């Protein structure tokens, strides 16, 4: 079983406080036939020197400098230098459970190619985890337990960036890290979806996700909400939009308005509904807002839901159920 080589791709930048814990968790893996391709993305602290010491003591650890700029260029270098038949990612500030590699590769051996192995995640932080991150962790793990990650792909990234494994040739088929599109993990998840790679369910916590104020996903412009929405719209129009059906936007908040603008720019016709009596009947971008009851006038509409309130979402789902309409075919939650 341990004859298969796993390549672990790990960009890092200014993680001197965390990189030792990260690498120690890799060294302590029950599955030992791995190589760590770890790439310094212009660190200004002592991260590089710390990793140098590890690399000097273990030839499975291969350290590189990013000749480009940013995490995508770092991942490209790591992947180019890798030799494994199985590819996984890791972040330089996180921690693996000791059986992470073993569980992921065993699941891939059982399921075969055109599958993505993943596992449950657990956030941790010295400052404590916010309610928002707790809810995201719970939502994400519920999807992973069933393997239904794609069912809510337009809400958020449904595959944790540092907790997946895939056959090398499948990653190449999905264009690996070639596109320069951020957030890179969300774009890759959509490409897995586009190629119809199945997600293998998992009930084990395999990854401990460190949260702190200066974490890249919190601070970098590439991970702002508008970039997430750009990716959602790009893939929705490419993969799921049916131009022969009426398209409807639900909700007239900031996200609804942003989507409306994008559709107008692309000259795509749509209807717009909301439940705010102060907005119904008014025009935004020369588009009249109508009540939800207007949907009864449309034949087989496709709906983009931008309503974020959990209770309102339940009501909307109940409505679609009565209409015998289904998620990811007839309606898509974008938040």
Protein backbone atom coordinates (compact mmCIF):
# COMPACT_ATOMS: atom_id res chain seq x y z
CA UNK A 1 0.00 0.00 0.00
CA UNK A 2 2.82 2.42 0.84
CA UNK A 3 4.42 1.93 -2.57
CA UNK A 4 2.43 4.87 -4.00
CA UNK A 5 4.17 8.23 -3.67
CA UNK A 6 2.14 11.18 -2.43
CA UNK A 7 3.27 14.68 -3.37
CA UNK A 8 2.34 17.34 -0.82
CA UNK A 9 2.31 20.85 -2.33
CA UNK A 10 2.83 23.55 0.28
CA UNK A 11 3.29 27.28 -0.35
CA UNK A 12 4.23 29.35 2.69
CA UNK A 13 4.85 32.98 3.52
CA UNK A 14 5.83 34.49 6.87
CA UNK A 15 4.68 31.52 8.91
CA UNK A 16 7.66 31.25 11.26
CA UNK A 17 5.33 30.91 14.26
CA UNK A 18 3.50 27.93 12.75
CA UNK A 19 5.70 26.15 10.19
CA UNK A 20 7.34 23.82 12.72
CA UNK A 21 3.98 22.46 13.87
CA UNK A 22 2.97 22.03 10.24
CA UNK A 23 6.05 20.07 9.18
CA UNK A 24 6.07 18.02 12.39
CA UNK A 25 2.52 16.90 11.60
CA UNK A 26 3.71 15.74 8.17
CA UNK A 27 6.71 13.93 9.62
CA UNK A 28 4.38 12.12 12.05
CA UNK A 29 2.11 10.71 9.34
CA UNK A 30 1.25 7.00 9.53
CA UNK A 31 1.70 6.94 5.73
CA UNK A 32 5.39 7.58 5.12
CA UNK A 33 5.90 7.41 1.33
CA UNK A 34 5.49 11.11 0.65
CA UNK A 35 7.47 14.05 -0.66
CA UNK A 36 6.93 17.60 0.52
CA UNK A 37 7.37 20.24 -2.20
CA UNK A 38 7.44 23.37 -0.07
CA UNK A 39 7.78 26.78 -1.70
CA UNK A 40 8.69 30.04 -0.01
CA UNK A 41 6.57 32.87 -1.40
CA UNK A 42 8.86 35.82 -0.54
CA UNK A 43 8.89 35.46 3.24
CA UNK A 44 10.48 38.30 5.20
CA UNK A 45 10.69 36.42 8.51
CA UNK A 46 12.71 33.30 9.44
CA UNK A 47 10.31 30.80 7.82
CA UNK A 48 12.75 29.86 5.06
CA UNK A 49 15.62 29.20 7.50
CA UNK A 50 13.37 27.00 9.63
CA UNK A 51 12.32 24.90 6.63
CA UNK A 52 15.95 24.69 5.48
CA UNK A 53 16.84 22.86 8.68
CA UNK A 54 14.04 20.34 8.15
CA UNK A 55 15.07 19.79 4.52
CA UNK A 56 18.67 19.17 5.56
CA UNK A 57 17.56 16.34 7.84
CA UNK A 58 14.97 14.65 5.60
CA UNK A 59 15.42 14.20 1.85
CA UNK A 60 11.66 13.88 1.39
CA UNK A 61 11.42 17.62 2.05
CA UNK A 62 12.29 19.68 -1.03
CA UNK A 63 12.49 23.43 -0.52
CA UNK A 64 12.13 26.01 -3.30
CA UNK A 65 11.88 29.77 -3.71
CA UNK A 66 8.96 31.21 -5.64
CA UNK A 67 10.37 32.76 -8.82
CA UNK A 68 6.99 34.34 -9.51
CA UNK A 69 4.59 36.06 -7.18
CA UNK A 70 1.72 34.71 -5.13
CA UNK A 71 0.28 31.35 -4.17
CA UNK A 72 -0.63 30.20 -7.70
CA UNK A 73 2.94 30.63 -8.97
CA UNK A 74 4.18 28.81 -5.85
CA UNK A 75 1.79 25.93 -6.47
CA UNK A 76 2.91 25.71 -10.10
CA UNK A 77 6.53 25.33 -9.01
CA UNK A 78 5.62 22.70 -6.42
CA UNK A 79 3.56 20.70 -8.90
CA UNK A 80 6.25 20.92 -11.61
CA UNK A 81 8.83 19.52 -9.19
CA UNK A 82 6.56 16.76 -7.88
CA UNK A 83 6.82 13.07 -8.77
CA UNK A 84 3.88 11.48 -6.98
CA UNK A 85 0.99 9.63 -8.57
CA UNK A 86 -1.19 11.25 -5.93
CA UNK A 87 -1.31 14.99 -5.26
CA UNK A 88 -2.47 16.82 -2.17
CA UNK A 89 -2.16 20.34 -0.77
CA UNK A 90 -1.16 21.66 2.61
CA UNK A 91 -0.90 25.13 4.12
CA UNK A 92 2.20 26.12 6.05
CA UNK A 93 0.24 27.30 9.07
CA UNK A 94 -2.04 24.27 9.52
CA UNK A 95 -1.75 20.81 11.07
CA UNK A 96 -2.52 17.35 9.66
CA UNK A 97 -4.08 14.61 11.75
CA UNK A 98 -1.54 11.77 11.89
CA UNK A 99 -3.66 9.51 9.64
CA UNK A 100 -4.59 12.16 7.06
CA UNK A 101 -2.50 10.86 4.15
CA UNK A 102 -3.38 7.25 4.94
CA UNK A 103 -7.13 7.88 4.94
CA UNK A 104 -7.08 9.99 1.77
CA UNK A 105 -4.99 7.59 -0.30
CA UNK A 106 -6.90 4.53 0.95
CA UNK A 107 -10.16 6.15 -0.13
CA UNK A 108 -8.71 6.91 -3.56
CA UNK A 109 -7.41 3.35 -3.93
CA UNK A 110 -10.90 2.03 -3.22
CA UNK A 111 -12.78 4.51 -5.43
CA UNK A 112 -10.32 4.82 -8.32
CA UNK A 113 -9.74 7.66 -10.72
CA UNK A 114 -12.08 10.56 -11.37
CA UNK A 115 -12.60 10.88 -7.63
CA UNK A 116 -11.50 13.50 -5.11
CA UNK A 117 -10.74 12.39 -1.56
CA UNK A 118 -11.27 14.88 1.23
CA UNK A 119 -11.90 14.89 4.98
CA UNK A 120 -13.48 16.80 7.80
CA UNK A 121 -11.79 19.97 9.04
CA UNK A 122 -11.59 21.62 12.43
CA UNK A 123 -10.76 25.29 12.99
CA UNK A 124 -8.56 26.28 15.91
CA UNK A 125 -7.23 29.59 17.17
CA UNK A 126 -5.70 31.11 20.30
CA UNK A 127 -8.33 33.84 20.11
CA UNK A 128 -11.21 31.40 19.72
CA UNK A 129 -13.31 30.70 16.64
CA UNK A 130 -16.00 33.16 15.57
CA UNK A 131 -19.60 32.06 15.03
CA UNK A 132 -19.13 32.62 11.29
CA UNK A 133 -16.23 30.20 11.05
CA UNK A 134 -18.01 27.67 13.28
CA UNK A 135 -21.02 27.75 10.97
CA UNK A 136 -18.79 27.41 7.90
CA UNK A 137 -16.98 24.44 9.44
CA UNK A 138 -20.29 22.73 10.29
CA UNK A 139 -21.76 23.41 6.85
CA UNK A 140 -18.62 22.20 5.06
CA UNK A 141 -18.29 19.06 7.17
CA UNK A 142 -21.93 18.12 6.62
CA UNK A 143 -21.28 18.18 2.87
CA UNK A 144 -18.07 16.15 3.21
CA UNK A 145 -19.76 13.48 5.33
CA UNK A 146 -22.17 12.72 2.49
CA UNK A 147 -19.96 13.60 -0.50
CA UNK A 148 -22.62 16.05 -1.69
CA UNK A 149 -20.16 18.94 -1.93
CA UNK A 150 -21.33 20.10 -5.33
CA UNK A 151 -24.95 20.48 -4.18
CA UNK A 152 -24.13 23.88 -2.64
CA UNK A 153 -21.09 24.86 -4.67
CA UNK A 154 -22.49 28.29 -5.52
CA UNK A 155 -22.67 29.23 -1.82
CA UNK A 156 -19.01 28.94 -0.84
CA UNK A 157 -15.95 26.83 -1.65
CA UNK A 158 -17.08 23.30 -0.83
CA UNK A 159 -13.69 21.56 -0.88
CA UNK A 160 -11.21 22.75 1.78
CA UNK A 161 -8.09 23.94 -0.04
CA UNK A 162 -5.57 22.14 2.20
CA UNK A 163 -7.57 18.91 2.60
CA UNK A 164 -8.02 17.06 -0.67
CA UNK A 165 -6.15 14.40 -2.67
CA UNK A 166 -6.49 13.38 -6.29
CA UNK A 167 -4.80 11.20 -8.91
CA UNK A 168 -2.11 13.15 -10.73
CA UNK A 169 -3.60 12.64 -14.18
CA UNK A 170 -7.01 13.80 -12.97
CA UNK A 171 -5.50 17.01 -11.62
CA UNK A 172 -3.78 17.56 -14.97
CA UNK A 173 -7.10 16.91 -16.73
CA UNK A 174 -8.64 19.65 -14.57
CA UNK A 175 -5.81 22.05 -15.61
CA UNK A 176 -4.08 21.82 -12.21
CA UNK A 177 -2.84 25.32 -11.31
CA UNK A 178 -2.66 26.72 -14.83
CA UNK A 179 -5.45 29.33 -14.60
CA UNK A 180 -4.46 32.55 -12.87
CA UNK A 181 -7.80 32.96 -11.15
CA UNK A 182 -8.32 33.79 -7.49
CA UNK A 183 -9.53 32.42 -5.13
CA UNK A 184 -7.56 29.55 -6.66
CA UNK A 185 -9.10 26.87 -4.41
CA UNK A 186 -12.65 27.84 -5.38
CA UNK A 187 -11.80 27.91 -9.07
CA UNK A 188 -10.22 24.44 -8.80
CA UNK A 189 -13.31 23.14 -7.01
CA UNK A 190 -15.46 24.34 -9.90
CA UNK A 191 -13.13 22.59 -12.34
CA UNK A 192 -13.51 19.34 -10.40
CA UNK A 193 -17.26 19.90 -10.67
CA UNK A 194 -17.01 20.66 -14.39
CA UNK A 195 -15.15 17.38 -14.99
CA UNK A 196 -17.69 15.51 -12.84
CA UNK A 197 -15.10 14.09 -10.46
CA UNK A 198 -16.98 12.45 -7.61
CA UNK A 199 -16.32 13.45 -4.02
CA UNK A 200 -15.59 10.54 -1.68
CA UNK A 201 -17.52 10.88 1.61
CA UNK A 202 -15.44 10.94 4.79
CA UNK A 203 -16.32 11.06 8.49
CA UNK A 204 -12.81 11.58 9.90
CA UNK A 205 -11.29 14.90 10.97
CA UNK A 206 -8.13 15.02 8.87
CA UNK A 207 -7.14 18.65 8.93
CA UNK A 208 -6.77 21.30 11.63
CA UNK A 209 -7.28 24.72 10.09
CA UNK A 210 -5.54 27.54 11.96
CA UNK A 211 -7.28 30.89 12.05
CA UNK A 212 -5.58 34.18 12.91
CA UNK A 213 -6.01 37.82 11.98
CA UNK A 214 -3.24 38.02 9.36
CA UNK A 215 -4.14 34.79 7.55
CA UNK A 216 -4.07 35.39 3.78
CA UNK A 217 -7.68 34.37 3.24
CA UNK A 218 -8.71 37.09 5.69
CA UNK A 219 -6.55 39.94 4.42
CA UNK A 220 -5.65 39.58 0.73
CA UNK A 221 -7.69 41.35 -1.95
CA UNK A 222 -7.74 38.13 -4.00
CA UNK A 223 -10.10 36.61 -1.43
CA UNK A 224 -12.62 39.46 -1.29
CA UNK A 225 -16.29 38.62 -1.79
CA UNK A 226 -16.46 40.21 -5.24
CA UNK A 227 -13.90 37.71 -6.57
CA UNK A 228 -15.97 34.82 -5.22
CA UNK A 229 -19.02 36.20 -7.02
CA UNK A 230 -17.08 36.56 -10.27
CA UNK A 231 -16.19 32.85 -10.14
CA UNK A 232 -19.75 31.84 -9.30
CA UNK A 233 -21.20 33.77 -12.22
CA UNK A 234 -18.53 32.57 -14.66
CA UNK A 235 -19.18 28.90 -13.94
CA UNK A 236 -22.94 29.24 -13.57
CA UNK A 237 -23.22 30.73 -17.05
CA UNK A 238 -20.83 28.12 -18.42
CA UNK A 239 -22.14 24.99 -16.72
CA UNK A 240 -25.67 25.38 -15.42
CA UNK A 241 -27.44 28.29 -17.11
CA UNK A 242 -30.06 27.27 -19.66
CA UNK A 243 -30.75 30.11 -22.08
CA UNK A 244 -34.02 28.48 -23.10
CA UNK A 245 -35.46 29.01 -19.62
CA UNK A 246 -36.39 32.31 -17.92
CA UNK A 247 -33.68 33.41 -15.48
CA UNK A 248 -34.77 34.95 -12.17
CA UNK A 249 -32.81 36.78 -9.47
CA UNK A 250 -34.25 36.45 -5.95
CA UNK A 251 -33.38 39.35 -3.65
CA UNK A 252 -32.38 42.97 -4.21
CA UNK A 253 -29.58 43.42 -1.71
CA UNK A 254 -25.96 44.14 -2.62
CA UNK A 255 -25.33 40.66 -4.03
CA UNK A 256 -28.56 40.68 -6.05
CA UNK A 257 -27.68 44.08 -7.50
CA UNK A 258 -24.14 42.96 -8.36
CA UNK A 259 -25.44 39.88 -10.19
CA UNK A 260 -28.00 42.01 -12.02
CA UNK A 261 -25.22 44.32 -13.21
CA UNK A 262 -23.18 41.39 -14.49
CA UNK A 263 -26.14 39.95 -16.39
CA UNK A 264 -26.92 43.33 -17.92
CA UNK A 265 -23.29 43.70 -19.01
CA UNK A 266 -23.52 40.32 -20.73
CA UNK A 267 -26.92 41.25 -22.25
CA UNK A 268 -28.62 38.31 -20.57
CA UNK A 269 -32.34 38.85 -19.90
CA UNK A 270 -33.68 38.13 -16.43
CA UNK A 271 -36.61 38.73 -14.11
CA UNK A 272 -36.11 40.14 -10.63
CA UNK A 273 -38.21 39.28 -7.59
CA UNK A 274 -38.05 40.21 -3.91
CA UNK A 275 -40.23 40.23 -0.77
CA UNK A 276 -39.49 43.80 0.32
CA UNK A 277 -42.72 45.80 -0.11
CA UNK A 278 -40.70 49.03 -0.28
CA UNK A 279 -38.85 47.77 -3.37
CA UNK A 280 -41.59 45.84 -5.21
CA UNK A 281 -42.75 47.79 -8.24
CA UNK A 282 -39.68 50.02 -8.28
CA UNK A 283 -36.94 49.95 -10.91
CA UNK A 284 -33.26 49.23 -10.39
CA UNK A 285 -31.02 49.41 -13.47
CA UNK A 286 -34.23 49.86 -15.51
CA UNK A 287 -35.42 46.47 -14.26
CA UNK A 288 -38.70 46.31 -12.35
CA UNK A 289 -38.73 44.35 -9.09
CA UNK A 290 -41.70 42.03 -8.77
CA UNK A 291 -43.22 39.98 -5.94
CA UNK A 292 -42.39 36.28 -5.55
CA UNK A 293 -45.90 35.46 -6.80
CA UNK A 294 -44.80 36.62 -10.25
CA UNK A 295 -42.95 33.31 -10.62
CA UNK A 296 -46.29 31.63 -11.31
CA UNK A 297 -46.31 33.45 -14.65
CA UNK A 298 -43.01 31.91 -15.74
CA UNK A 299 -42.55 28.53 -17.39
CA UNK A 300 -39.70 26.45 -15.94
CA UNK A 301 -37.65 29.33 -14.56
CA UNK A 302 -34.09 29.00 -13.29
CA UNK A 303 -33.50 30.97 -10.11
CA UNK A 304 -30.40 32.51 -8.55
CA UNK A 305 -31.09 32.98 -4.83
CA UNK A 306 -29.25 35.86 -3.13
CA UNK A 307 -31.35 35.79 0.05
CA UNK A 308 -28.98 35.10 2.97
CA UNK A 309 -31.39 34.87 5.91
CA UNK A 310 -31.50 31.20 7.05
CA UNK A 311 -35.24 31.24 7.85
CA UNK A 312 -36.02 32.85 4.51
CA UNK A 313 -33.91 30.21 2.76
CA UNK A 314 -35.96 27.46 4.42
CA UNK A 315 -39.15 29.12 3.21
CA UNK A 316 -37.74 29.38 -0.31
CA UNK A 317 -36.73 25.70 -0.30
CA UNK A 318 -40.22 24.73 0.87
CA UNK A 319 -41.72 26.76 -1.96
CA UNK A 320 -39.57 25.01 -4.55
CA UNK A 321 -40.49 21.65 -3.06
CA UNK A 322 -44.19 22.37 -3.57
CA UNK A 323 -43.39 23.30 -7.16
CA UNK A 324 -41.40 20.07 -7.65
CA UNK A 325 -38.31 22.10 -8.48
CA UNK A 326 -34.83 20.96 -7.49
CA UNK A 327 -31.53 22.42 -6.30
CA UNK A 328 -28.74 22.61 -8.90
CA UNK A 329 -31.31 22.20 -11.69
CA UNK A 330 -34.01 24.77 -11.04
CA UNK A 331 -32.52 26.92 -8.30
CA UNK A 332 -29.08 27.86 -7.03
CA UNK A 333 -28.22 29.47 -3.71
CA UNK A 334 -25.49 32.08 -4.16
CA UNK A 335 -25.20 32.79 -0.43
